Structures are given as structure tokens and as C-alpha cells.
Amino acid sequence: MITHLVFFKMQPEADGHTGAENARILVEKLKDLPASIPELVKLEAGLDFSRSPASYEVGLMTQFKSRDDLEAYRVHPEHRKVIEFVQKTTSDRAVVDFESQG
């Protein structure tokens, strides 16, 4: 199983919305992806509630059966649309991809 984790820091204002509004929009866009991308085994996305100095505003966890499925997700047109939104509205992101047996 491949797990893909992404954390997003939002710009204070972008694309006509506040950072908090864009964070909510991003979570909804992410949650819509499984309907279009069959390679996605599992997707969870949510807003940070701790608001610590080290926090990112949005967290994403996705799982795939294989590295090839992760790559299919990366280039899928619906995922690319979300990436366009991310590029306009975020200031930073962190990514970790790892493989596990479970």
C-alpha cells in the first residue's frame, strides 16, 4: 500500500477569498476526487484544529495499491485542476510518500 500525505499552508488572501475560505474550498475539492479517480483506495482531508505555530491549515491522506496508481492520480485531469487551485491559494506545502505492507 502506498500512502501519500500532503500538508498545505494557505495564503492570507488569494483568488478572491480569505485563507480560511480557501482552506474549506480546498478540502471540498479534495474530497470530490475519489468520484473521478478510480486508483484512489482511500482519501481523507480536513482542516487543522490545533492552530499551533507549526500547523498547516489543510491535511490530506490518500492511499493507493501501487506506485503506478499514485502516478496515475498525479497526472489525472481532475487532480491537475485541484493542483491549479493549490498553486493560486497556498504559500507552502509538505509531502511524504511511503510504502507499507498494511
PDB file of N, CA and C in Angstrom:
ATOM      1  N   MET A   1       0.847  -1.170   0.000  1.00  0.00           N
ATOM      2  CA  MET A   1       0.000   0.000   0.000  1.00  0.00           C
ATOM      3  C   MET A   1       0.900   1.243   0.000  1.00  0.00           C
ATOM      4  N   ILE A   2       0.526   2.217  -0.809  1.00  0.00           N
ATOM      5  CA  ILE A   2       1.235   3.492  -0.895  1.00  0.00           C
ATOM      6  C   ILE A   2       0.389   4.547  -0.182  1.00  0.00           C
ATOM      7  N   THR A   3       1.015   5.273   0.730  1.00  0.00           N
ATOM      8  CA  THR A   3       0.341   6.383   1.409  1.00  0.00           C
ATOM      9  C   THR A   3       1.004   7.682   0.961  1.00  0.00           C
ATOM     10  N   HIS A   4       0.175   8.628   0.578  1.00  0.00           N
ATOM     11  CA  HIS A   4       0.598   9.948   0.092  1.00  0.00           C
ATOM     12  C   HIS A   4       0.007  10.976   1.050  1.00  0.00           C
ATOM     13  N   LEU A   5       0.882  11.683   1.784  1.00  0.00           N
ATOM     14  CA  LEU A   5       0.461  12.711   2.726  1.00  0.00           C
ATOM     15  C   LEU A   5       0.862  14.082   2.194  1.00  0.00           C
ATOM     16  N   VAL A   6      -0.041  15.040   2.296  1.00  0.00           N
ATOM     17  CA  VAL A   6       0.264  16.411   1.879  1.00  0.00           C
ATOM     18  C   VAL A   6      -0.326  17.358   2.916  1.00  0.00           C
ATOM     19  N   PHE A   7       0.445  18.391   3.250  1.00  0.00           N
ATOM     20  CA  PHE A   7       0.004  19.422   4.181  1.00  0.00           C
ATOM     21  C   PHE A   7       0.122  20.764   3.484  1.00  0.00           C
ATOM     22  N   PHE A   8      -0.904  21.610   3.627  1.00  0.00           N
ATOM     23  CA  PHE A   8      -0.978  22.870   2.897  1.00  0.00           C
ATOM     24  C   PHE A   8      -1.067  24.060   3.852  1.00  0.00           C
ATOM     25  N   LYS A   9      -0.244  25.082   3.602  1.00  0.00           N
ATOM     26  CA  LYS A   9      -0.369  26.381   4.267  1.00  0.00           C
ATOM     27  C   LYS A   9      -1.021  27.318   3.258  1.00  0.00           C
ATOM     28  N   MET A  10      -2.057  27.978   3.714  1.00  0.00           N
ATOM     29  CA  MET A  10      -2.814  28.849   2.828  1.00  0.00           C
ATOM     30  C   MET A  10      -2.259  30.276   2.869  1.00  0.00           C
ATOM     31  N   GLN A  11      -2.363  30.971   1.738  1.00  0.00           N
ATOM     32  CA  GLN A  11      -2.059  32.403   1.715  1.00  0.00           C
ATOM     33  C   GLN A  11      -3.152  33.123   2.509  1.00  0.00           C
ATOM     34  N   PRO A  12      -2.837  34.278   3.123  1.00  0.00           N
ATOM     35  CA  PRO A  12      -3.868  35.000   3.882  1.00  0.00           C
ATOM     36  C   PRO A  12      -5.082  35.369   3.028  1.00  0.00           C
ATOM     37  N   GLU A  13      -4.823  35.744   1.774  1.00  0.00           N
ATOM     38  CA  GLU A  13      -5.892  36.045   0.817  1.00  0.00           C
ATOM     39  C   GLU A  13      -5.419  35.642  -0.568  1.00  0.00           C
ATOM     40  N   ALA A  14      -6.312  35.018  -1.326  1.00  0.00           N
ATOM     41  CA  ALA A  14      -5.973  34.633  -2.701  1.00  0.00           C
ATOM     42  C   ALA A  14      -7.241  34.242  -3.438  1.00  0.00           C
ATOM     43  N   ASP A  15      -7.247  34.467  -4.715  1.00  0.00           N
ATOM     44  CA  ASP A  15      -8.344  34.031  -5.582  1.00  0.00           C
ATOM     45  C   ASP A  15      -9.695  34.582  -5.102  1.00  0.00           C
ATOM     46  N   GLY A  16      -9.673  35.781  -4.496  1.00  0.00           N
ATOM     47  CA  GLY A  16     -10.912  36.423  -4.062  1.00  0.00           C
ATOM     48  C   GLY A  16     -11.475  35.934  -2.741  1.00  0.00           C
ATOM     49  N   HIS A  17     -10.708  35.146  -1.980  1.00  0.00           N
ATOM     50  CA  HIS A  17     -11.191  34.598  -0.708  1.00  0.00           C
ATOM     51  C   HIS A  17     -10.113  34.711   0.363  1.00  0.00           C
ATOM     52  N   THR A  18     -10.546  34.617   1.609  1.00  0.00           N
ATOM     53  CA  THR A  18      -9.595  34.565   2.716  1.00  0.00           C
ATOM     54  C   THR A  18      -8.912  33.192   2.726  1.00  0.00           C
ATOM     55  N   GLY A  19      -7.835  33.104   3.485  1.00  0.00           N
ATOM     56  CA  GLY A  19      -7.157  31.821   3.615  1.00  0.00           C
ATOM     57  C   GLY A  19      -8.054  30.756   4.200  1.00  0.00           C
ATOM     58  N   ALA A  20      -8.865  31.120   5.202  1.00  0.00           N
ATOM     59  CA  ALA A  20      -9.780  30.155   5.821  1.00  0.00           C
ATOM     60  C   ALA A  20     -10.830  29.676   4.816  1.00  0.00           C
ATOM     61  N   GLU A  21     -11.347  30.589   4.013  1.00  0.00           N
ATOM     62  CA  GLU A  21     -12.328  30.196   2.989  1.00  0.00           C
ATOM     63  C   GLU A  21     -11.687  29.272   1.964  1.00  0.00           C
ATOM     64  N   ASN A  22     -10.482  29.620   1.518  1.00  0.00           N
ATOM     65  CA  ASN A  22      -9.798  28.776   0.538  1.00  0.00           C
ATOM     66  C   ASN A  22      -9.444  27.408   1.115  1.00  0.00           C
ATOM     67  N   ALA A  23      -9.148  27.347   2.405  1.00  0.00           N
ATOM     68  CA  ALA A  23      -8.873  26.057   3.037  1.00  0.00           C
ATOM     69  C   ALA A  23     -10.111  25.170   2.963  1.00  0.00           C
ATOM     70  N   ARG A  24     -11.274  25.724   3.269  1.00  0.00           N
ATOM     71  CA  ARG A  24     -12.529  24.946   3.188  1.00  0.00           C
ATOM     72  C   ARG A  24     -12.811  24.521   1.748  1.00  0.00           C
ATOM     73  N   ILE A  25     -12.591  25.420   0.801  1.00  0.00           N
ATOM     74  CA  ILE A  25     -12.807  25.091  -0.614  1.00  0.00           C
ATOM     75  C   ILE A  25     -11.866  23.965  -1.033  1.00  0.00           C
ATOM     76  N   LEU A  26     -10.599  24.046  -0.615  1.00  0.00           N
ATOM     77  CA  LEU A  26      -9.632  23.013  -0.962  1.00  0.00           C
ATOM     78  C   LEU A  26     -10.048  21.656  -0.414  1.00  0.00           C
ATOM     79  N   VAL A  27     -10.480  21.611   0.825  1.00  0.00           N
ATOM     80  CA  VAL A  27     -10.914  20.333   1.405  1.00  0.00           C
ATOM     81  C   VAL A  27     -12.057  19.739   0.586  1.00  0.00           C
ATOM     82  N   GLU A  28     -13.010  20.552   0.198  1.00  0.00           N
ATOM     83  CA  GLU A  28     -14.134  20.043  -0.600  1.00  0.00           C
ATOM     84  C   GLU A  28     -13.667  19.543  -1.969  1.00  0.00           C
ATOM     85  N   LYS A  29     -12.768  20.285  -2.607  1.00  0.00           N
ATOM     86  CA  LYS A  29     -12.240  19.848  -3.904  1.00  0.00           C
ATOM     87  C   LYS A  29     -11.512  18.508  -3.758  1.00  0.00           C
ATOM     88  N   LEU A  30     -10.738  18.362  -2.695  1.00  0.00           N
ATOM     89  CA  LEU A  30     -10.019  17.107  -2.466  1.00  0.00           C
ATOM     90  C   LEU A  30     -10.991  15.953  -2.227  1.00  0.00           C
ATOM     91  N   LYS A  31     -12.020  16.200  -1.431  1.00  0.00           N
ATOM     92  CA  LYS A  31     -12.993  15.146  -1.112  1.00  0.00           C
ATOM     93  C   LYS A  31     -13.799  14.705  -2.326  1.00  0.00           C
ATOM     94  N   ASP A  32     -13.864  15.544  -3.352  1.00  0.00           N
ATOM     95  CA  ASP A  32     -14.577  15.188  -4.585  1.00  0.00           C
ATOM     96  C   ASP A  32     -13.761  14.264  -5.494  1.00  0.00           C
ATOM     97  N   LEU A  33     -12.459  14.171  -5.293  1.00  0.00           N
ATOM     98  CA  LEU A  33     -11.591  13.419  -6.211  1.00  0.00           C
ATOM     99  C   LEU A  33     -11.891  11.919  -6.315  1.00  0.00           C
ATOM    100  N   PRO A  34     -12.231  11.217  -5.238  1.00  0.00           N
ATOM    101  CA  PRO A  34     -12.466   9.775  -5.396  1.00  0.00           C
ATOM    102  C   PRO A  34     -13.560   9.420  -6.406  1.00  0.00           C
ATOM    103  N   ALA A  35     -14.518  10.295  -6.606  1.00  0.00           N
ATOM    104  CA  ALA A  35     -15.581  10.023  -7.576  1.00  0.00           C
ATOM    105  C   ALA A  35     -15.050   9.979  -9.004  1.00  0.00           C
ATOM    106  N   SER A  36     -13.901  10.620  -9.250  1.00  0.00           N
ATOM    107  CA  SER A  36     -13.350  10.709 -10.605  1.00  0.00           C
ATOM    108  C   SER A  36     -12.098   9.873 -10.828  1.00  0.00           C
ATOM    109  N   ILE A  37     -11.446   9.459  -9.738  1.00  0.00           N
ATOM    110  CA  ILE A  37     -10.144   8.800  -9.872  1.00  0.00           C
ATOM    111  C   ILE A  37     -10.212   7.408  -9.251  1.00  0.00           C
ATOM    112  N   PRO A  38     -10.398   6.391 -10.077  1.00  0.00           N
ATOM    113  CA  PRO A  38     -10.585   5.036  -9.548  1.00  0.00           C
ATOM    114  C   PRO A  38      -9.368   4.468  -8.827  1.00  0.00           C
ATOM    115  N   GLU A  39      -8.185   4.980  -9.094  1.00  0.00           N
ATOM    116  CA  GLU A  39      -6.974   4.474  -8.443  1.00  0.00           C
ATOM    117  C   GLU A  39      -6.911   4.809  -6.949  1.00  0.00           C
ATOM    118  N   LEU A  40      -7.703   5.786  -6.518  1.00  0.00           N
ATOM    119  CA  LEU A  40      -7.725   6.180  -5.113  1.00  0.00           C
ATOM    120  C   LEU A  40      -8.410   5.101  -4.280  1.00  0.00           C
ATOM    121  N   VAL A  41      -7.669   4.472  -3.383  1.00  0.00           N
ATOM    122  CA  VAL A  41      -8.247   3.478  -2.482  1.00  0.00           C
ATOM    123  C   VAL A  41      -8.928   4.177  -1.314  1.00  0.00           C
ATOM    124  N   LYS A  42      -8.277   5.243  -0.807  1.00  0.00           N
ATOM    125  CA  LYS A  42      -8.807   5.973   0.339  1.00  0.00           C
ATOM    126  C   LYS A  42      -8.327   7.414   0.272  1.00  0.00           C
ATOM    127  N   LEU A  43      -9.199   8.341   0.648  1.00  0.00           N
ATOM    128  CA  LEU A  43      -8.830   9.751   0.735  1.00  0.00           C
ATOM    129  C   LEU A  43      -9.492  10.348   1.965  1.00  0.00           C
ATOM    130  N   GLU A  44      -8.690  11.028   2.761  1.00  0.00           N
ATOM    131  CA  GLU A  44      -9.196  11.810   3.885  1.00  0.00           C
ATOM    132  C   GLU A  44      -8.548  13.176   3.810  1.00  0.00           C
ATOM    133  N   ALA A  45      -9.352  14.207   4.012  1.00  0.00           N
ATOM    134  CA  ALA A  45      -8.855  15.578   4.001  1.00  0.00           C
ATOM    135  C   ALA A  45      -9.588  16.350   5.077  1.00  0.00           C
ATOM    136  N   GLY A  46      -8.881  17.282   5.712  1.00  0.00           N
ATOM    137  CA  GLY A  46      -9.537  18.059   6.747  1.00  0.00           C
ATOM    138  C   GLY A  46      -8.769  19.295   7.122  1.00  0.00           C
ATOM    139  N   LEU A  47      -9.441  20.115   7.928  1.00  0.00           N
ATOM    140  CA  LEU A  47      -8.885  21.371   8.410  1.00  0.00           C
ATOM    141  C   LEU A  47      -8.206  21.148   9.757  1.00  0.00           C
ATOM    142  N   ASP A  48      -7.064  21.779   9.949  1.00  0.00           N
ATOM    143  CA  ASP A  48      -6.361  21.715  11.226  1.00  0.00           C
ATOM    144  C   ASP A  48      -7.182  22.429  12.293  1.00  0.00           C
ATOM    145  N   PHE A  49      -7.277  21.816  13.487  1.00  0.00           N
ATOM    146  CA  PHE A  49      -7.981  22.472  14.581  1.00  0.00           C
ATOM    147  C   PHE A  49      -7.041  22.963  15.675  1.00  0.00           C
ATOM    148  N   SER A  50      -5.776  22.552  15.645  1.00  0.00           N
ATOM    149  CA  SER A  50      -4.870  22.928  16.731  1.00  0.00           C
ATOM    150  C   SER A  50      -4.333  24.348  16.602  1.00  0.00           C
ATOM    151  N   ARG A  51      -4.184  24.812  15.376  1.00  0.00           N
ATOM    152  CA  ARG A  51      -3.723  26.178  15.105  1.00  0.00           C
ATOM    153  C   ARG A  51      -2.404  26.514  15.801  1.00  0.00           C
ATOM    154  N   SER A  52      -1.525  25.540  15.955  1.00  0.00           N
ATOM    155  CA  SER A  52      -0.217  25.800  16.563  1.00  0.00           C
ATOM    156  C   SER A  52       0.694  26.477  15.542  1.00  0.00           C
ATOM    157  N   PRO A  53       1.775  27.100  15.981  1.00  0.00           N
ATOM    158  CA  PRO A  53       2.693  27.747  15.025  1.00  0.00           C
ATOM    159  C   PRO A  53       3.260  26.781  13.984  1.00  0.00           C
ATOM    160  N   ALA A  54       3.338  25.497  14.309  1.00  0.00           N
ATOM    161  CA  ALA A  54       3.876  24.514  13.374  1.00  0.00           C
ATOM    162  C   ALA A  54       2.813  23.920  12.451  1.00  0.00           C
ATOM    163  N   SER A  55       1.549  24.286  12.662  1.00  0.00           N
ATOM    164  CA  SER A  55       0.451  23.680  11.907  1.00  0.00           C
ATOM    165  C   SER A  55       0.379  24.167  10.467  1.00  0.00           C
ATOM    166  N   TYR A  56      -0.112  23.290   9.636  1.00  0.00           N
ATOM    167  CA  TYR A  56      -0.567  23.632   8.295  1.00  0.00           C
ATOM    168  C   TYR A  56      -2.088  23.671   8.375  1.00  0.00           C
ATOM    169  N   GLU A  57      -2.742  24.440   7.512  1.00  0.00           N
ATOM    170  CA  GLU A  57      -4.200  24.590   7.614  1.00  0.00           C
ATOM    171  C   GLU A  57      -4.979  23.384   7.099  1.00  0.00           C
ATOM    172  N   VAL A  58      -4.443  22.673   6.095  1.00  0.00           N
ATOM    173  CA  VAL A  58      -5.153  21.547   5.489  1.00  0.00           C
ATOM    174  C   VAL A  58      -4.242  20.335   5.449  1.00  0.00           C
ATOM    175  N   GLY A  59      -4.817  19.189   5.784  1.00  0.00           N
ATOM    176  CA  GLY A  59      -4.092  17.929   5.683  1.00  0.00           C
ATOM    177  C   GLY A  59      -4.804  16.985   4.733  1.00  0.00           C
ATOM    178  N   LEU A  60      -4.021  16.221   3.978  1.00  0.00           N
ATOM    179  CA  LEU A  60      -4.550  15.246   3.019  1.00  0.00           C
ATOM    180  C   LEU A  60      -3.820  13.928   3.194  1.00  0.00           C
ATOM    181  N   MET A  61      -4.598  12.836   3.253  1.00  0.00           N
ATOM    182  CA  MET A  61      -4.039  11.491   3.265  1.00  0.00           C
ATOM    183  C   MET A  61      -4.738  10.703   2.166  1.00  0.00           C
ATOM    184  N   THR A  62      -3.957  10.155   1.253  1.00  0.00           N
ATOM    185  CA  THR A  62      -4.513   9.288   0.223  1.00  0.00           C
ATOM    186  C   THR A  62      -3.750   7.975   0.227  1.00  0.00           C
ATOM    187  N   GLN A  63      -4.430   6.912  -0.207  1.00  0.00           N
ATOM    188  CA  GLN A  63      -3.780   5.611  -0.306  1.00  0.00           C
ATOM    189  C   GLN A  63      -4.071   4.989  -1.663  1.00  0.00           C
ATOM    190  N   PHE A  64      -3.061   4.239  -2.138  1.00  0.00           N
ATOM    191  CA  PHE A  64      -3.094   3.615  -3.453  1.00  0.00           C
ATOM    192  C   PHE A  64      -2.532   2.206  -3.343  1.00  0.00           C
ATOM    193  N   LYS A  65      -2.925   1.339  -4.264  1.00  0.00           N
ATOM    194  CA  LYS A  65      -2.423  -0.029  -4.265  1.00  0.00           C
ATOM    195  C   LYS A  65      -0.978  -0.121  -4.738  1.00  0.00           C
ATOM    196  N   SER A  66      -0.557   0.833  -5.576  1.00  0.00           N
ATOM    197  CA  SER A  66       0.780   0.737  -6.160  1.00  0.00           C
ATOM    198  C   SER A  66       1.332   2.133  -6.477  1.00  0.00           C
ATOM    199  N   ARG A  67       2.621   2.177  -6.742  1.00  0.00           N
ATOM    200  CA  ARG A  67       3.241   3.430  -7.162  1.00  0.00           C
ATOM    201  C   ARG A  67       2.686   3.883  -8.503  1.00  0.00           C
ATOM    202  N   ASP A  68       2.372   2.920  -9.378  1.00  0.00           N
ATOM    203  CA  ASP A  68       1.770   3.270 -10.670  1.00  0.00           C
ATOM    204  C   ASP A  68       0.414   3.951 -10.479  1.00  0.00           C
ATOM    205  N   ASP A  69      -0.378   3.475  -9.498  1.00  0.00           N
ATOM    206  CA  ASP A  69      -1.670   4.103  -9.222  1.00  0.00           C
ATOM    207  C   ASP A  69      -1.481   5.525  -8.686  1.00  0.00           C
ATOM    208  N   LEU A  70      -0.469   5.727  -7.846  1.00  0.00           N
ATOM    209  CA  LEU A  70      -0.161   7.081  -7.363  1.00  0.00           C
ATOM    210  C   LEU A  70       0.200   7.983  -8.536  1.00  0.00           C
ATOM    211  N   GLU A  71       0.987   7.469  -9.455  1.00  0.00           N
ATOM    212  CA  GLU A  71       1.370   8.267 -10.621  1.00  0.00           C
ATOM    213  C   GLU A  71       0.152   8.585 -11.490  1.00  0.00           C
ATOM    214  N   ALA A  72      -0.766   7.634 -11.651  1.00  0.00           N
ATOM    215  CA  ALA A  72      -1.989   7.890 -12.418  1.00  0.00           C
ATOM    216  C   ALA A  72      -2.802   9.012 -11.761  1.00  0.00           C
ATOM    217  N   TYR A  73      -2.850   9.020 -10.435  1.00  0.00           N
ATOM    218  CA  TYR A  73      -3.524  10.076  -9.677  1.00  0.00           C
ATOM    219  C   TYR A  73      -2.857  11.426  -9.928  1.00  0.00           C
ATOM    220  N   ARG A  74      -1.530  11.444  -9.875  1.00  0.00           N
ATOM    221  CA  ARG A  74      -0.793  12.707 -10.035  1.00  0.00           C
ATOM    222  C   ARG A  74      -1.099  13.392 -11.369  1.00  0.00           C
ATOM    223  N   VAL A  75      -1.275  12.620 -12.420  1.00  0.00           N
ATOM    224  CA  VAL A  75      -1.467  13.202 -13.749  1.00  0.00           C
ATOM    225  C   VAL A  75      -2.933  13.257 -14.181  1.00  0.00           C
ATOM    226  N   HIS A  76      -3.821  12.749 -13.352  1.00  0.00           N
ATOM    227  CA  HIS A  76      -5.247  12.738 -13.706  1.00  0.00           C
ATOM    228  C   HIS A  76      -5.758  14.177 -13.879  1.00  0.00           C
ATOM    229  N   PRO A  77      -6.560  14.446 -14.899  1.00  0.00           N
ATOM    230  CA  PRO A  77      -7.047  15.808 -15.160  1.00  0.00           C
ATOM    231  C   PRO A  77      -7.795  16.444 -13.980  1.00  0.00           C
ATOM    232  N   GLU A  78      -8.577  15.674 -13.245  1.00  0.00           N
ATOM    233  CA  GLU A  78      -9.300  16.241 -12.097  1.00  0.00           C
ATOM    234  C   GLU A  78      -8.335  16.624 -10.977  1.00  0.00           C
ATOM    235  N   HIS A  79      -7.305  15.828 -10.772  1.00  0.00           N
ATOM    236  CA  HIS A  79      -6.281  16.171  -9.782  1.00  0.00           C
ATOM    237  C   HIS A  79      -5.508  17.406 -10.242  1.00  0.00           C
ATOM    238  N   ARG A  80      -5.225  17.507 -11.526  1.00  0.00           N
ATOM    239  CA  ARG A  80      -4.499  18.667 -12.063  1.00  0.00           C
ATOM    240  C   ARG A  80      -5.295  19.961 -11.814  1.00  0.00           C
ATOM    241  N   LYS A  81      -6.633  19.883 -11.882  1.00  0.00           N
ATOM    242  CA  LYS A  81      -7.463  21.063 -11.593  1.00  0.00           C
ATOM    243  C   LYS A  81      -7.287  21.512 -10.145  1.00  0.00           C
ATOM    244  N   VAL A  82      -7.215  20.548  -9.229  1.00  0.00           N
ATOM    245  CA  VAL A  82      -7.000  20.879  -7.822  1.00  0.00           C
ATOM    246  C   VAL A  82      -5.608  21.488  -7.642  1.00  0.00           C
ATOM    247  N   ILE A  83      -4.624  20.950  -8.340  1.00  0.00           N
ATOM    248  CA  ILE A  83      -3.268  21.496  -8.255  1.00  0.00           C
ATOM    249  C   ILE A  83      -3.250  22.961  -8.706  1.00  0.00           C
ATOM    250  N   GLU A  84      -3.999  23.303  -9.740  1.00  0.00           N
ATOM    251  CA  GLU A  84      -4.078  24.698 -10.186  1.00  0.00           C
ATOM    252  C   GLU A  84      -4.609  25.588  -9.067  1.00  0.00           C
ATOM    253  N   PHE A  85      -5.632  25.122  -8.359  1.00  0.00           N
ATOM    254  CA  PHE A  85      -6.178  25.884  -7.238  1.00  0.00           C
ATOM    255  C   PHE A  85      -5.136  26.005  -6.129  1.00  0.00           C
ATOM    256  N   VAL A  86      -4.450  24.926  -5.827  1.00  0.00           N
ATOM    257  CA  VAL A  86      -3.406  24.915  -4.801  1.00  0.00           C
ATOM    258  C   VAL A  86      -2.316  25.930  -5.139  1.00  0.00           C
ATOM    259  N   GLN A  87      -1.907  25.967  -6.378  1.00  0.00           N
ATOM    260  CA  GLN A  87      -0.842  26.893  -6.777  1.00  0.00           C
ATOM    261  C   GLN A  87      -1.251  28.355  -6.600  1.00  0.00           C
ATOM    262  N   LYS A  88      -2.537  28.643  -6.737  1.00  0.00           N
ATOM    263  CA  LYS A  88      -3.031  30.014  -6.590  1.00  0.00           C
ATOM    264  C   LYS A  88      -3.272  30.410  -5.144  1.00  0.00           C
ATOM    265  N   THR A  89      -3.503  29.452  -4.255  1.00  0.00           N
ATOM    266  CA  THR A  89      -4.016  29.782  -2.932  1.00  0.00           C
ATOM    267  C   THR A  89      -3.130  29.382  -1.755  1.00  0.00           C
ATOM    268  N   THR A  90      -2.072  28.637  -2.002  1.00  0.00           N
ATOM    269  CA  THR A  90      -1.227  28.194  -0.891  1.00  0.00           C
ATOM    270  C   THR A  90       0.127  28.896  -0.911  1.00  0.00           C
ATOM    271  N   SER A  91       0.735  28.963   0.263  1.00  0.00           N
ATOM    272  CA  SER A  91       2.064  29.560   0.374  1.00  0.00           C
ATOM    273  C   SER A  91       3.144  28.504   0.569  1.00  0.00           C
ATOM    274  N   ASP A  92       2.752  27.308   1.030  1.00  0.00           N
ATOM    275  CA  ASP A  92       3.722  26.246   1.278  1.00  0.00           C
ATOM    276  C   ASP A  92       2.988  24.927   1.359  1.00  0.00           C
ATOM    277  N   ARG A  93       3.733  23.858   1.092  1.00  0.00           N
ATOM    278  CA  ARG A  93       3.173  22.527   1.277  1.00  0.00           C
ATOM    279  C   ARG A  93       4.301  21.570   1.595  1.00  0.00           C
ATOM    280  N   ALA A  94       3.948  20.490   2.238  1.00  0.00           N
ATOM    281  CA  ALA A  94       4.897  19.426   2.563  1.00  0.00           C
ATOM    282  C   ALA A  94       4.288  18.118   2.106  1.00  0.00           C
ATOM    283  N   VAL A  95       5.136  17.232   1.560  1.00  0.00           N
ATOM    284  CA  VAL A  95       4.665  15.960   1.005  1.00  0.00           C
ATOM    285  C   VAL A  95       5.528  14.826   1.541  1.00  0.00           C
ATOM    286  N   VAL A  96       4.863  13.719   1.884  1.00  0.00           N
ATOM    287  CA  VAL A  96       5.563  12.482   2.233  1.00  0.00           C
ATOM    288  C   VAL A  96       4.829  11.348   1.535  1.00  0.00           C
ATOM    289  N   ASP A  97       5.577  10.510   0.813  1.00  0.00           N
ATOM    290  CA  ASP A  97       5.047   9.302   0.195  1.00  0.00           C
ATOM    291  C   ASP A  97       5.800   8.129   0.799  1.00  0.00           C
ATOM    292  N   PHE A  98       5.047   7.117   1.264  1.00  0.00           N
ATOM    293  CA  PHE A  98       5.735   5.933   1.793  1.00  0.00           C
ATOM    294  C   PHE A  98       4.952   4.671   1.485  1.00  0.00           C
ATOM    295  N   GLU A  99       5.662   3.568   1.527  1.00  0.00           N
ATOM    296  CA  GLU A  99       5.087   2.264   1.208  1.00  0.00           C
ATOM    297  C   GLU A  99       5.017   1.432   2.476  1.00  0.00           C
ATOM    298  N   SER A 100       3.888   0.763   2.671  1.00  0.00           N
ATOM    299  CA  SER A 100       3.730  -0.110   3.834  1.00  0.00           C
ATOM    300  C   SER A 100       3.116  -1.439   3.392  1.00  0.00           C
ATOM    301  N   GLN A 101       3.178  -2.403   4.268  1.00  0.00           N
ATOM    302  CA  GLN A 101       2.635  -3.722   3.965  1.00  0.00           C
ATOM    303  C   GLN A 101       1.146  -3.815   4.273  1.00  0.00           C
ATOM    304  N   GLY A 102       0.605  -2.882   5.069  1.00  0.00           N
ATOM    305  CA  GLY A 102      -0.787  -2.998   5.507  1.00  0.00           C
ATOM    306  C   GLY A 102      -1.751  -2.157   4.790  1.00  0.00           C
TER     307      GLY A 102
END
